[in-house]
Amino acid sequence: MESIQGNKGGFRLKMESEEITLLDIVNATESYNDKNLCFFGFQECQFSDKKCHMHDNWITIIEGIEKLLKTTTLADLTDNETQKYIMNNIQLITKIK
């Protein structure tokens, strides 16, 4: 983004909205490096030899969210069909089998 000063100033995107992914936005506003954190919030797995029951499901959910963020652009959010698709995928990602 860039700012424009003056009476009719404000902010505008430096790139086309089709080029900006949601992951770009997340990375610009906060670190996404914490994607490997434990479901329970531990910095490291407390079960070094054994994983907790949530571990594999949590990894699947995180990978699904990351894929969705990488493949969805800012322009996609303005399309009603894409919005429905994204919401359906979020629901599918969060359902644990």
Protein backbone atom coordinates (compact mmCIF):
# COMPACT_ATOMS: atom_id res chain seq x y z
CA MET A 1 0.00 0.00 0.00
CA GLU A 2 0.99 3.58 -0.42
CA SER A 3 -0.42 6.70 1.11
CA ILE A 4 -1.51 9.74 -0.82
CA GLN A 5 -1.53 13.04 1.01
CA GLY A 6 -3.84 15.90 0.39
CA ASN A 7 -7.50 16.78 0.36
CA LYS A 8 -8.48 13.70 -1.64
CA GLY A 9 -5.70 11.56 -0.22
CA GLY A 10 -5.88 8.13 1.29
CA PHE A 11 -4.37 4.77 0.60
CA ARG A 12 -4.13 2.64 -2.51
CA LEU A 13 -2.65 -0.68 -3.47
CA LYS A 14 0.79 -0.67 -5.09
CA MET A 15 -0.01 -3.91 -6.92
CA GLU A 16 -3.08 -5.20 -8.72
CA SER A 17 -5.54 -6.95 -6.42
CA GLU A 18 -5.19 -10.11 -8.57
CA GLU A 19 -1.49 -10.28 -7.57
CA ILE A 20 -2.00 -10.02 -3.80
CA THR A 21 -2.79 -13.26 -1.99
CA LEU A 22 -4.34 -13.49 1.43
CA LEU A 23 -1.09 -15.06 2.60
CA ASP A 24 0.73 -11.89 1.49
CA ILE A 25 -1.64 -9.88 3.68
CA VAL A 26 -1.20 -12.20 6.65
CA ASN A 27 2.59 -12.08 6.29
CA ALA A 28 2.51 -8.27 6.08
CA THR A 29 0.48 -7.94 9.26
CA GLU A 30 1.77 -10.82 11.38
CA SER A 31 4.19 -13.69 11.24
CA TYR A 32 2.87 -16.91 9.76
CA ASN A 33 5.97 -18.78 10.91
CA ASP A 34 4.06 -20.08 13.92
CA LYS A 35 2.10 -22.52 11.76
CA ASN A 36 3.81 -25.48 13.43
CA LEU A 37 2.68 -24.55 16.92
CA CYS A 38 0.94 -27.18 18.95
CA PHE A 39 -2.86 -27.20 18.98
CA PHE A 40 -2.67 -26.71 22.74
CA GLY A 41 -0.30 -23.73 22.41
CA PHE A 42 2.95 -25.41 23.45
CA GLN A 43 6.12 -24.19 21.71
CA GLU A 44 7.25 -27.79 21.26
CA CYS A 45 5.38 -31.06 21.31
CA GLN A 46 5.10 -32.14 24.90
CA PHE A 47 4.92 -35.75 23.78
CA SER A 48 8.35 -36.08 22.20
CA ASP A 49 8.04 -39.78 21.37
CA LYS A 50 4.27 -39.79 20.92
CA LYS A 51 2.04 -37.21 19.33
CA CYS A 52 -1.15 -36.09 20.99
CA HIS A 53 -4.46 -37.14 19.42
CA MET A 54 -4.93 -33.70 17.83
CA HIS A 55 -1.51 -33.53 16.15
CA ASP A 56 -2.23 -35.04 12.72
CA ASN A 57 -5.65 -33.39 12.44
CA TRP A 58 -4.17 -30.03 13.42
CA ILE A 59 -1.44 -30.32 10.77
CA THR A 60 -4.09 -31.13 8.15
CA ILE A 61 -6.13 -28.08 9.15
CA ILE A 62 -3.10 -25.75 9.11
CA GLU A 63 -2.03 -27.02 5.68
CA GLY A 64 -5.57 -26.48 4.34
CA ILE A 65 -5.68 -22.94 5.68
CA GLU A 66 -2.26 -22.18 4.20
CA LYS A 67 -3.33 -23.53 0.79
CA LEU A 68 -6.48 -21.42 0.90
CA LEU A 69 -4.47 -18.30 1.82
CA LYS A 70 -1.93 -18.94 -0.97
CA THR A 71 -4.54 -19.50 -3.67
CA THR A 72 -7.00 -16.72 -2.81
CA THR A 73 -6.30 -13.21 -4.01
CA LEU A 74 -7.70 -9.92 -2.85
CA ALA A 75 -9.61 -9.71 -6.14
CA ASP A 76 -11.25 -13.06 -5.40
CA LEU A 77 -12.92 -11.60 -2.35
CA THR A 78 -15.01 -9.28 -4.52
CA ASP A 79 -16.54 -12.14 -6.53
CA ASN A 80 -19.70 -13.60 -4.94
CA GLU A 81 -19.10 -17.10 -6.32
CA THR A 82 -15.54 -17.10 -4.97
CA GLN A 83 -16.76 -15.90 -1.59
CA LYS A 84 -19.15 -18.86 -1.42
CA TYR A 85 -16.36 -21.23 -2.51
CA ILE A 86 -14.00 -19.88 0.16
CA MET A 87 -16.60 -20.15 2.90
CA ASN A 88 -17.39 -23.74 1.89
CA ASN A 89 -13.68 -24.61 1.94
CA ILE A 90 -13.22 -23.03 5.35
CA GLN A 91 -16.06 -25.20 6.63
CA LEU A 92 -14.49 -28.30 5.06
CA ILE A 93 -11.03 -27.48 6.45
CA THR A 94 -12.31 -27.10 9.97
CA LYS A 95 -14.27 -30.38 9.99
CA ILE A 96 -12.16 -33.05 11.60
CA LYS A 97 -12.76 -36.56 10.36
